[in-house]
């Protein structure tokens, strides 16, 4: 085919044989470069396994719900993948990799974000252009700069004793029926006669700044009814409650991350803040039920 091309061009007298040979040489060079480019597209496959959470004293439970891995190779974002998935990476030689842990903020599926309080996992990988699979086992732990206003697992204490609703018979008590970890969790009761239960801590916390740095409430829950999560700000004009997120009923324990940053910035309280949980009974003939909460952490910078 290439020879016919040259002869045709020669017969038409458009260029000299010398020019045609030059064109032929350029054609062959481009063709060879194309073949080389195709060969370089053979990837190395990186299989990212479920993460291990390292135990760090003073940071509470290691239970996390890391749903996404933000994978970087050679300081470039390769993709955002679920745990246990495999992703192709094109390249050759020794490369640095890092994985940022991704969570769902405020319980919303479309609010996928890197969780800033956890240290990225990192290492090196040898890319080979050979189709091999390399296994990566990420490990995460809290950053040294992550600070905790409190960690409550209800095993030896219960700081959620402040009843904010209008029903004196609603309570927040520790119980042994169910727990995300250990023996105890907090139970908040509601019924048709006691339709709202809103609990908080006795103390307000002001050990973080209202300057836009991340403030999150981590907790695990199991609930018979939907509920709301927010904060109460202690202002000179009184206490003001605002909610940041809500969650549906769940008969299995789930982990939730609630972003309180915007509420803290908006209120600019100098008197501090305290988290608020509010569960509501739908009324009618539906049986009484509970919101169970465990492993609560108020974490910030």
C-alpha atoms as a PDB file:
ATOM      1  CA  UNK A   1       0.000   0.000   0.000  1.00  0.00           C
ATOM      2  CA  UNK A   2       2.816   2.360   0.848  1.00  0.00           C
ATOM      3  CA  UNK A   3       4.613   1.547  -2.451  1.00  0.00           C
ATOM      4  CA  UNK A   4       1.459   2.212  -4.487  1.00  0.00           C
ATOM      5  CA  UNK A   5       1.155   5.525  -2.712  1.00  0.00           C
ATOM      6  CA  UNK A   6       4.662   6.564  -3.813  1.00  0.00           C
ATOM      7  CA  UNK A   7       4.210   5.393  -7.392  1.00  0.00           C
ATOM      8  CA  UNK A   8       0.937   7.237  -7.729  1.00  0.00           C
ATOM      9  CA  UNK A   9       2.477  10.413  -6.501  1.00  0.00           C
ATOM     10  CA  UNK A  10       5.457   9.989  -8.827  1.00  0.00           C
ATOM     11  CA  UNK A  11       3.276   9.368 -11.876  1.00  0.00           C
ATOM     12  CA  UNK A  12       1.339  12.526 -11.289  1.00  0.00           C
ATOM     13  CA  UNK A  13       4.574  14.470 -11.308  1.00  0.00           C
ATOM     14  CA  UNK A  14       3.653  16.446  -8.232  1.00  0.00           C
ATOM     15  CA  UNK A  15       6.958  15.963  -6.493  1.00  0.00           C
ATOM     16  CA  UNK A  16      10.342  14.492  -7.173  1.00  0.00           C
ATOM     17  CA  UNK A  17      11.301  11.033  -5.982  1.00  0.00           C
ATOM     18  CA  UNK A  18      13.446  12.717  -3.362  1.00  0.00           C
ATOM     19  CA  UNK A  19      10.417  14.549  -1.987  1.00  0.00           C
ATOM     20  CA  UNK A  20       8.380  11.345  -2.039  1.00  0.00           C
ATOM     21  CA  UNK A  21      11.032   9.491  -0.085  1.00  0.00           C
ATOM     22  CA  UNK A  22      11.003  12.299   2.455  1.00  0.00           C
ATOM     23  CA  UNK A  23       7.234  11.982   2.804  1.00  0.00           C
ATOM     24  CA  UNK A  24       7.595   8.202   3.085  1.00  0.00           C
ATOM     25  CA  UNK A  25      10.150   8.618   5.884  1.00  0.00           C
ATOM     26  CA  UNK A  26       7.848  10.983   7.789  1.00  0.00           C
ATOM     27  CA  UNK A  27       4.952   8.561   7.316  1.00  0.00           C
ATOM     28  CA  UNK A  28       6.959   5.627   8.707  1.00  0.00           C
ATOM     29  CA  UNK A  29       8.115   7.752  11.680  1.00  0.00           C
ATOM     30  CA  UNK A  30       4.560   8.749  12.560  1.00  0.00           C
ATOM     31  CA  UNK A  31       3.406   5.141  12.205  1.00  0.00           C
ATOM     32  CA  UNK A  32       6.175   3.902  14.501  1.00  0.00           C
ATOM     33  CA  UNK A  33       5.411   6.590  17.066  1.00  0.00           C
ATOM     34  CA  UNK A  34       1.768   5.569  16.972  1.00  0.00           C
ATOM     35  CA  UNK A  35       2.672   1.978  17.680  1.00  0.00           C
ATOM     36  CA  UNK A  36       4.860   3.067  20.563  1.00  0.00           C
ATOM     37  CA  UNK A  37       1.993   5.160  21.956  1.00  0.00           C
ATOM     38  CA  UNK A  38      -0.341   2.176  21.790  1.00  0.00           C
ATOM     39  CA  UNK A  39       2.139   0.035  23.693  1.00  0.00           C
ATOM     40  CA  UNK A  40       2.403   2.664  26.470  1.00  0.00           C
ATOM     41  CA  UNK A  41      -1.344   2.398  27.087  1.00  0.00           C
ATOM     42  CA  UNK A  42      -0.970  -1.033  28.681  1.00  0.00           C
ATOM     43  CA  UNK A  43      -1.848  -0.204  32.323  1.00  0.00           C
ATOM     44  CA  UNK A  44      -0.905  -1.501  35.706  1.00  0.00           C
ATOM     45  CA  UNK A  45      -4.042  -2.345  37.701  1.00  0.00           C
ATOM     46  CA  UNK A  46      -4.278  -1.102  41.283  1.00  0.00           C
ATOM     47  CA  UNK A  47      -6.690  -3.014  43.499  1.00  0.00           C
ATOM     48  CA  UNK A  48      -7.531  -1.022  46.629  1.00  0.00           C
ATOM     49  CA  UNK A  49      -8.615  -3.219  49.540  1.00  0.00           C
ATOM     50  CA  UNK A  50     -10.771  -2.202  52.551  1.00  0.00           C
ATOM     51  CA  UNK A  51      -8.920   0.182  54.833  1.00  0.00           C
ATOM     52  CA  UNK A  52      -7.589  -0.515  58.278  1.00  0.00           C
ATOM     53  CA  UNK A  53      -8.139   2.145  60.924  1.00  0.00           C
ATOM     54  CA  UNK A  54      -5.156   2.491  63.258  1.00  0.00           C
ATOM     55  CA  UNK A  55      -5.781   2.762  66.994  1.00  0.00           C
ATOM     56  CA  UNK A  56      -4.607   6.113  68.363  1.00  0.00           C
ATOM     57  CA  UNK A  57      -5.055   6.732  72.109  1.00  0.00           C
ATOM     58  CA  UNK A  58      -7.475   9.517  72.907  1.00  0.00           C
ATOM     59  CA  UNK A  59      -9.414   9.340  69.618  1.00  0.00           C
ATOM     60  CA  UNK A  60     -12.183   6.930  70.627  1.00  0.00           C
ATOM     61  CA  UNK A  61     -13.642   4.198  68.462  1.00  0.00           C
ATOM     62  CA  UNK A  62     -11.964   3.107  65.231  1.00  0.00           C
ATOM     63  CA  UNK A  63     -15.369   2.663  63.586  1.00  0.00           C
ATOM     64  CA  UNK A  64     -15.483   4.694  60.369  1.00  0.00           C
ATOM     65  CA  UNK A  65     -17.536   4.597  57.187  1.00  0.00           C
ATOM     66  CA  UNK A  66     -15.026   5.336  54.426  1.00  0.00           C
ATOM     67  CA  UNK A  67     -17.093   4.884  51.269  1.00  0.00           C
ATOM     68  CA  UNK A  68     -14.704   6.325  48.682  1.00  0.00           C
ATOM     69  CA  UNK A  69     -10.971   6.283  48.052  1.00  0.00           C
ATOM     70  CA  UNK A  70      -9.564   9.389  46.343  1.00  0.00           C
ATOM     71  CA  UNK A  71      -6.541   7.803  44.639  1.00  0.00           C
ATOM     72  CA  UNK A  72      -3.558   9.925  43.589  1.00  0.00           C
ATOM     73  CA  UNK A  73      -0.571   8.560  41.653  1.00  0.00           C
ATOM     74  CA  UNK A  74       2.454  10.774  41.040  1.00  0.00           C
ATOM     75  CA  UNK A  75       0.456  13.600  42.739  1.00  0.00           C
ATOM     76  CA  UNK A  76      -2.322  13.423  40.129  1.00  0.00           C
ATOM     77  CA  UNK A  77      -5.892  12.353  40.890  1.00  0.00           C
ATOM     78  CA  UNK A  78      -6.494   9.037  39.106  1.00  0.00           C
ATOM     79  CA  UNK A  79     -10.040   8.471  40.307  1.00  0.00           C
ATOM     80  CA  UNK A  80     -12.521   8.182  43.146  1.00  0.00           C
ATOM     81  CA  UNK A  81     -13.381   4.527  43.697  1.00  0.00           C
ATOM     82  CA  UNK A  82     -15.261   2.398  46.242  1.00  0.00           C
ATOM     83  CA  UNK A  83     -13.427   0.007  48.529  1.00  0.00           C
ATOM     84  CA  UNK A  84     -12.372  -3.259  46.910  1.00  0.00           C
ATOM     85  CA  UNK A  85     -12.357  -1.894  43.357  1.00  0.00           C
ATOM     86  CA  UNK A  86      -9.595  -2.038  40.755  1.00  0.00           C
ATOM     87  CA  UNK A  87      -8.470   0.925  38.646  1.00  0.00           C
ATOM     88  CA  UNK A  88      -6.050   0.976  35.665  1.00  0.00           C
ATOM     89  CA  UNK A  89      -3.056   3.334  35.825  1.00  0.00           C
ATOM     90  CA  UNK A  90      -0.909   4.060  32.759  1.00  0.00           C
ATOM     91  CA  UNK A  91       2.783   4.727  33.302  1.00  0.00           C
ATOM     92  CA  UNK A  92       6.147   3.182  33.945  1.00  0.00           C
ATOM     93  CA  UNK A  93       8.557   3.155  36.855  1.00  0.00           C
ATOM     94  CA  UNK A  94       8.393   3.840  40.581  1.00  0.00           C
ATOM     95  CA  UNK A  95       5.597   6.270  41.517  1.00  0.00           C
ATOM     96  CA  UNK A  96       4.239   7.694  44.763  1.00  0.00           C
ATOM     97  CA  UNK A  97       0.609   6.978  45.581  1.00  0.00           C
ATOM     98  CA  UNK A  98      -1.720   8.401  48.212  1.00  0.00           C
ATOM     99  CA  UNK A  99      -5.334   7.780  49.140  1.00  0.00           C
ATOM    100  CA  UNK A 100      -7.578  10.366  50.762  1.00  0.00           C
ATOM    101  CA  UNK A 101     -10.547   8.896  52.689  1.00  0.00           C
ATOM    102  CA  UNK A 102     -13.954   9.886  51.356  1.00  0.00           C
ATOM    103  CA  UNK A 103     -17.197  10.088  53.341  1.00  0.00           C
ATOM    104  CA  UNK A 104     -20.820  11.095  52.784  1.00  0.00           C
ATOM    105  CA  UNK A 105     -21.449  14.345  54.643  1.00  0.00           C
ATOM    106  CA  UNK A 106     -24.749  14.877  56.477  1.00  0.00           C
ATOM    107  CA  UNK A 107     -25.951  11.459  55.323  1.00  0.00           C
ATOM    108  CA  UNK A 108     -26.440  12.653  51.719  1.00  0.00           C
ATOM    109  CA  UNK A 109     -25.319  10.418  48.851  1.00  0.00           C
ATOM    110  CA  UNK A 110     -24.374  13.358  46.626  1.00  0.00           C
ATOM    111  CA  UNK A 111     -22.252  15.000  49.336  1.00  0.00           C
ATOM    112  CA  UNK A 112     -19.078  12.978  48.767  1.00  0.00           C
ATOM    113  CA  UNK A 113     -16.076  14.692  50.339  1.00  0.00           C
ATOM    114  CA  UNK A 114     -12.592  13.948  51.578  1.00  0.00           C
ATOM    115  CA  UNK A 115     -12.687  13.666  55.374  1.00  0.00           C
ATOM    116  CA  UNK A 116     -10.080  16.181  56.431  1.00  0.00           C
ATOM    117  CA  UNK A 117      -9.517  14.817  59.952  1.00  0.00           C
ATOM    118  CA  UNK A 118      -7.997  11.535  58.777  1.00  0.00           C
ATOM    119  CA  UNK A 119      -4.390  11.227  57.643  1.00  0.00           C
ATOM    120  CA  UNK A 120      -4.043  10.075  53.992  1.00  0.00           C
ATOM    121  CA  UNK A 121      -2.569   6.640  53.368  1.00  0.00           C
ATOM    122  CA  UNK A 122       0.512   6.659  51.120  1.00  0.00           C
ATOM    123  CA  UNK A 123       3.250   4.518  49.612  1.00  0.00           C
ATOM    124  CA  UNK A 124       5.041   3.730  46.354  1.00  0.00           C
ATOM    125  CA  UNK A 125       4.045   1.524  43.439  1.00  0.00           C
ATOM    126  CA  UNK A 126       6.029   0.147  40.508  1.00  0.00           C
ATOM    127  CA  UNK A 127       4.162   0.683  37.234  1.00  0.00           C
ATOM    128  CA  UNK A 128       5.269  -1.778  34.553  1.00  0.00           C
ATOM    129  CA  UNK A 129       3.154  -1.365  31.362  1.00  0.00           C
ATOM    130  CA  UNK A 130       2.538  -5.093  31.669  1.00  0.00           C
ATOM    131  CA  UNK A 131      -1.064  -5.514  32.826  1.00  0.00           C
ATOM    132  CA  UNK A 132      -0.057  -6.684  36.303  1.00  0.00           C
ATOM    133  CA  UNK A 133      -2.314  -6.144  39.341  1.00  0.00           C
ATOM    134  CA  UNK A 134      -0.814  -4.461  42.402  1.00  0.00           C
ATOM    135  CA  UNK A 135      -2.660  -4.752  45.717  1.00  0.00           C
ATOM    136  CA  UNK A 136      -2.912  -1.720  47.999  1.00  0.00           C
ATOM    137  CA  UNK A 137      -3.970  -1.956  51.638  1.00  0.00           C
ATOM    138  CA  UNK A 138      -4.643   1.585  52.914  1.00  0.00           C
ATOM    139  CA  UNK A 139      -4.404   2.531  56.569  1.00  0.00           C
ATOM    140  CA  UNK A 140      -5.937   5.633  58.122  1.00  0.00           C
ATOM    141  CA  UNK A 141      -5.692   7.390  61.451  1.00  0.00           C
ATOM    142  CA  UNK A 142      -6.632  10.775  62.863  1.00  0.00           C
ATOM    143  CA  UNK A 143      -4.259  13.617  62.100  1.00  0.00           C
ATOM    144  CA  UNK A 144      -2.267  14.971  65.073  1.00  0.00           C
ATOM    145  CA  UNK A 145      -3.987  18.326  64.456  1.00  0.00           C
ATOM    146  CA  UNK A 146      -7.480  16.847  64.925  1.00  0.00           C
ATOM    147  CA  UNK A 147      -8.884  17.920  68.301  1.00  0.00           C
ATOM    148  CA  UNK A 148     -11.834  16.557  70.239  1.00  0.00           C
ATOM    149  CA  UNK A 149     -14.124  18.646  72.439  1.00  0.00           C
ATOM    150  CA  UNK A 150     -15.442  15.358  73.810  1.00  0.00           C
ATOM    151  CA  UNK A 151     -15.703  11.652  73.021  1.00  0.00           C
ATOM    152  CA  UNK A 152     -18.758   9.879  74.464  1.00  0.00           C
ATOM    153  CA  UNK A 153     -19.155   6.098  74.225  1.00  0.00           C
ATOM    154  CA  UNK A 154     -21.621   5.811  77.164  1.00  0.00           C
ATOM    155  CA  UNK A 155     -19.684   2.972  78.766  1.00  0.00           C
ATOM    156  CA  UNK A 156     -18.880   4.890  81.959  1.00  0.00           C
ATOM    157  CA  UNK A 157     -20.734   8.190  81.589  1.00  0.00           C
ATOM    158  CA  UNK A 158     -23.539  10.091  79.869  1.00  0.00           C
ATOM    159  CA  UNK A 159     -23.107  13.763  79.155  1.00  0.00           C
ATOM    160  CA  UNK A 160     -26.366  13.952  77.135  1.00  0.00           C
ATOM    161  CA  UNK A 161     -28.689  14.733  80.023  1.00  0.00           C
ATOM    162  CA  UNK A 162     -30.032  18.161  79.016  1.00  0.00           C
ATOM    163  CA  UNK A 163     -33.691  17.823  77.943  1.00  0.00           C
ATOM    164  CA  UNK A 164     -34.563  20.629  75.517  1.00  0.00           C
ATOM    165  CA  UNK A 165     -38.142  19.647  74.631  1.00  0.00           C
ATOM    166  CA  UNK A 166     -41.401  20.448  76.416  1.00  0.00           C
ATOM    167  CA  UNK A 167     -42.059  16.901  77.614  1.00  0.00           C
ATOM    168  CA  UNK A 168     -40.536  16.142  81.034  1.00  0.00           C
ATOM    169  CA  UNK A 169     -41.039  12.399  80.636  1.00  0.00           C
ATOM    170  CA  UNK A 170     -38.817  12.131  77.568  1.00  0.00           C
ATOM    171  CA  UNK A 171     -35.293  11.136  78.526  1.00  0.00           C
ATOM    172  CA  UNK A 172     -31.859  10.250  77.285  1.00  0.00           C
ATOM    173  CA  UNK A 173     -30.614   7.261  79.262  1.00  0.00           C
ATOM    174  CA  UNK A 174     -27.889   4.665  78.814  1.00  0.00           C
ATOM    175  CA  UNK A 175     -29.147   1.108  78.243  1.00  0.00           C
ATOM    176  CA  UNK A 176     -27.957  -2.426  77.486  1.00  0.00           C
ATOM    177  CA  UNK A 177     -30.467  -3.430  74.789  1.00  0.00           C
ATOM    178  CA  UNK A 178     -28.283  -2.502  71.841  1.00  0.00           C
ATOM    179  CA  UNK A 179     -24.958  -0.771  71.187  1.00  0.00           C
ATOM    180  CA  UNK A 180     -22.734  -0.063  68.199  1.00  0.00           C
ATOM    181  CA  UNK A 181     -19.723  -1.023  70.312  1.00  0.00           C
ATOM    182  CA  UNK A 182     -19.235  -2.103  73.892  1.00  0.00           C
ATOM    183  CA  UNK A 183     -22.254  -2.640  76.151  1.00  0.00           C
ATOM    184  CA  UNK A 184     -24.028   0.709  76.368  1.00  0.00           C
ATOM    185  CA  UNK A 185     -25.581   3.328  74.117  1.00  0.00           C
ATOM    186  CA  UNK A 186     -27.914   6.304  74.606  1.00  0.00           C
ATOM    187  CA  UNK A 187     -31.662   5.712  74.180  1.00  0.00           C
ATOM    188  CA  UNK A 188     -34.058   8.612  73.469  1.00  0.00           C
ATOM    189  CA  UNK A 189     -37.711   7.554  73.869  1.00  0.00           C
ATOM    190  CA  UNK A 190     -40.765   8.876  71.973  1.00  0.00           C
ATOM    191  CA  UNK A 191     -44.405   7.842  71.713  1.00  0.00           C
ATOM    192  CA  UNK A 192     -47.745   9.199  70.545  1.00  0.00           C
ATOM    193  CA  UNK A 193     -48.194  10.869  73.949  1.00  0.00           C
ATOM    194  CA  UNK A 194     -44.564  12.055  74.093  1.00  0.00           C
ATOM    195  CA  UNK A 195     -43.994  12.919  70.418  1.00  0.00           C
ATOM    196  CA  UNK A 196     -40.727  14.890  70.610  1.00  0.00           C
ATOM    197  CA  UNK A 197     -37.484  14.170  72.405  1.00  0.00           C
ATOM    198  CA  UNK A 198     -34.637  16.661  72.094  1.00  0.00           C
ATOM    199  CA  UNK A 199     -31.427  16.028  74.060  1.00  0.00           C
ATOM    200  CA  UNK A 200     -28.108  17.805  74.406  1.00  0.00           C
ATOM    201  CA  UNK A 201     -25.111  18.054  76.708  1.00  0.00           C
ATOM    202  CA  UNK A 202     -25.150  20.126  79.872  1.00  0.00           C
ATOM    203  CA  UNK A 203     -21.957  21.876  78.825  1.00  0.00           C
ATOM    204  CA  UNK A 204     -21.381  24.308  75.952  1.00  0.00           C
ATOM    205  CA  UNK A 205     -18.054  23.894  74.126  1.00  0.00           C
ATOM    206  CA  UNK A 206     -15.981  26.847  72.977  1.00  0.00           C
ATOM    207  CA  UNK A 207     -12.591  25.221  72.374  1.00  0.00           C
ATOM    208  CA  UNK A 208     -12.797  25.837  68.603  1.00  0.00           C
ATOM    209  CA  UNK A 209     -12.940  29.014  66.516  1.00  0.00           C
ATOM    210  CA  UNK A 210     -15.791  30.324  64.362  1.00  0.00           C
ATOM    211  CA  UNK A 211     -13.452  31.072  61.448  1.00  0.00           C
ATOM    212  CA  UNK A 212     -14.403  28.411  58.913  1.00  0.00           C
ATOM    213  CA  UNK A 213     -12.182  25.600  60.104  1.00  0.00           C
ATOM    214  CA  UNK A 214     -13.945  22.238  59.955  1.00  0.00           C
ATOM    215  CA  UNK A 215     -16.202  21.268  62.872  1.00  0.00           C
ATOM    216  CA  UNK A 216     -17.827  17.842  62.620  1.00  0.00           C
ATOM    217  CA  UNK A 217     -20.024  15.651  64.778  1.00  0.00           C
ATOM    218  CA  UNK A 218     -19.367  11.932  64.332  1.00  0.00           C
ATOM    219  CA  UNK A 219     -21.720   9.332  65.763  1.00  0.00           C
ATOM    220  CA  UNK A 220     -23.353   5.965  65.180  1.00  0.00           C
ATOM    221  CA  UNK A 221     -27.108   5.527  65.309  1.00  0.00           C
ATOM    222  CA  UNK A 222     -29.993   3.088  65.095  1.00  0.00           C
ATOM    223  CA  UNK A 223     -33.509   4.506  65.154  1.00  0.00           C
ATOM    224  CA  UNK A 224     -37.176   3.604  64.955  1.00  0.00           C
ATOM    225  CA  UNK A 225     -38.024   7.053  63.544  1.00  0.00           C
ATOM    226  CA  UNK A 226     -36.380   9.852  61.524  1.00  0.00           C
ATOM    227  CA  UNK A 227     -34.407  12.400  63.518  1.00  0.00           C
ATOM    228  CA  UNK A 228     -32.519  15.706  63.249  1.00  0.00           C
ATOM    229  CA  UNK A 229     -28.991  16.713  64.268  1.00  0.00           C
ATOM    230  CA  UNK A 230     -27.727  20.225  64.920  1.00  0.00           C
ATOM    231  CA  UNK A 231     -26.190  22.565  67.462  1.00  0.00           C
ATOM    232  CA  UNK A 232     -27.370  25.009  70.054  1.00  0.00           C
ATOM    233  CA  UNK A 233     -25.381  28.243  70.260  1.00  0.00           C
ATOM    234  CA  UNK A 234     -25.123  30.107  73.565  1.00  0.00           C
ATOM    235  CA  UNK A 235     -25.706  33.783  72.666  1.00  0.00           C
ATOM    236  CA  UNK A 236     -26.145  36.898  74.778  1.00  0.00           C
ATOM    237  CA  UNK A 237     -29.812  36.942  73.743  1.00  0.00           C
ATOM    238  CA  UNK A 238     -30.330  33.297  74.738  1.00  0.00           C
ATOM    239  CA  UNK A 239     -29.760  29.832  73.356  1.00  0.00           C
ATOM    240  CA  UNK A 240     -30.429  29.337  69.649  1.00  0.00           C
ATOM    241  CA  UNK A 241     -30.865  25.882  68.057  1.00  0.00           C
ATOM    242  CA  UNK A 242     -30.362  25.170  64.356  1.00  0.00           C
ATOM    243  CA  UNK A 243     -30.228  21.840  62.546  1.00  0.00           C
ATOM    244  CA  UNK A 244     -27.619  20.755  60.016  1.00  0.00           C
ATOM    245  CA  UNK A 245     -28.846  17.314  58.924  1.00  0.00           C
ATOM    246  CA  UNK A 246     -31.458  14.619  59.273  1.00  0.00           C
ATOM    247  CA  UNK A 247     -31.529  10.839  58.951  1.00  0.00           C
ATOM    248  CA  UNK A 248     -34.162   8.220  58.260  1.00  0.00           C
ATOM    249  CA  UNK A 249     -35.060   5.356  60.545  1.00  0.00           C
ATOM    250  CA  UNK A 250     -32.655   2.430  60.471  1.00  0.00           C
ATOM    251  CA  UNK A 251     -32.841  -0.969  62.142  1.00  0.00           C
ATOM    252  CA  UNK A 252     -29.074  -1.475  61.753  1.00  0.00           C
ATOM    253  CA  UNK A 253     -26.268   0.633  63.187  1.00  0.00           C
ATOM    254  CA  UNK A 254     -24.916   3.279  60.830  1.00  0.00           C
ATOM    255  CA  UNK A 255     -22.110   5.839  61.021  1.00  0.00           C
ATOM    256  CA  UNK A 256     -22.878   9.493  60.267  1.00  0.00           C
ATOM    257  CA  UNK A 257     -20.742  12.605  59.783  1.00  0.00           C
ATOM    258  CA  UNK A 258     -22.495  15.946  60.309  1.00  0.00           C
ATOM    259  CA  UNK A 259     -20.770  19.132  59.176  1.00  0.00           C
ATOM    260  CA  UNK A 260     -21.419  21.886  61.724  1.00  0.00           C
ATOM    261  CA  UNK A 261     -18.920  24.364  60.245  1.00  0.00           C
ATOM    262  CA  UNK A 262     -21.389  26.679  58.508  1.00  0.00           C
ATOM    263  CA  UNK A 263     -23.674  26.858  61.556  1.00  0.00           C
ATOM    264  CA  UNK A 264     -20.723  27.729  63.788  1.00  0.00           C
ATOM    265  CA  UNK A 265     -19.549  30.451  61.390  1.00  0.00           C
ATOM    266  CA  UNK A 266     -23.048  31.891  61.042  1.00  0.00           C
ATOM    267  CA  UNK A 267     -23.741  32.162  64.784  1.00  0.00           C
ATOM    268  CA  UNK A 268     -20.316  33.502  65.868  1.00  0.00           C
ATOM    269  CA  UNK A 269     -21.111  32.538  69.448  1.00  0.00           C
ATOM    270  CA  UNK A 270     -18.621  33.447  72.165  1.00  0.00           C
ATOM    271  CA  UNK A 271     -20.524  31.392  74.732  1.00  0.00           C
ATOM    272  CA  UNK A 272     -19.963  28.063  73.019  1.00  0.00           C
ATOM    273  CA  UNK A 273     -21.970  25.345  71.310  1.00  0.00           C
ATOM    274  CA  UNK A 274     -23.491  21.994  72.157  1.00  0.00           C
ATOM    275  CA  UNK A 275     -24.806  19.253  69.836  1.00  0.00           C
ATOM    276  CA  UNK A 276     -28.546  18.537  69.680  1.00  0.00           C
ATOM    277  CA  UNK A 277     -30.398  15.351  68.706  1.00  0.00           C
ATOM    278  CA  UNK A 278     -34.172  15.556  68.120  1.00  0.00           C
ATOM    279  CA  UNK A 279     -36.400  12.584  67.315  1.00  0.00           C
ATOM    280  CA  UNK A 280     -40.145  12.851  66.604  1.00  0.00           C
ATOM    281  CA  UNK A 281     -42.906  10.255  66.798  1.00  0.00           C
ATOM    282  CA  UNK A 282     -45.291  10.302  63.780  1.00  0.00           C
ATOM    283  CA  UNK A 283     -48.375   9.961  66.008  1.00  0.00           C
ATOM    284  CA  UNK A 284     -51.463   7.835  65.637  1.00  0.00           C
ATOM    285  CA  UNK A 285     -51.428   4.174  66.617  1.00  0.00           C
ATOM    286  CA  UNK A 286     -47.767   3.579  65.840  1.00  0.00           C
ATOM    287  CA  UNK A 287     -45.879   1.960  68.713  1.00  0.00           C
ATOM    288  CA  UNK A 288     -43.464   3.882  70.890  1.00  0.00           C
ATOM    289  CA  UNK A 289     -39.799   3.674  69.916  1.00  0.00           C
ATOM    290  CA  UNK A 290     -36.298   4.973  70.451  1.00  0.00           C
ATOM    291  CA  UNK A 291     -33.383   6.689  68.848  1.00  0.00           C
ATOM    292  CA  UNK A 292     -30.157   4.935  69.890  1.00  0.00           C
ATOM    293  CA  UNK A 293     -26.845   6.781  69.643  1.00  0.00           C
ATOM    294  CA  UNK A 294     -23.291   5.635  70.316  1.00  0.00           C
ATOM    295  CA  UNK A 295     -19.664   6.762  69.899  1.00  0.00           C
ATOM    296  CA  UNK A 296     -20.269  10.500  69.623  1.00  0.00           C
ATOM    297  CA  UNK A 297     -17.282  12.735  68.826  1.00  0.00           C
ATOM    298  CA  UNK A 298     -17.152  16.501  68.427  1.00  0.00           C
ATOM    299  CA  UNK A 299     -14.008  16.963  66.334  1.00  0.00           C
ATOM    300  CA  UNK A 300     -12.395  20.153  65.014  1.00  0.00           C
ATOM    301  CA  UNK A 301      -9.074  21.920  64.412  1.00  0.00           C
END
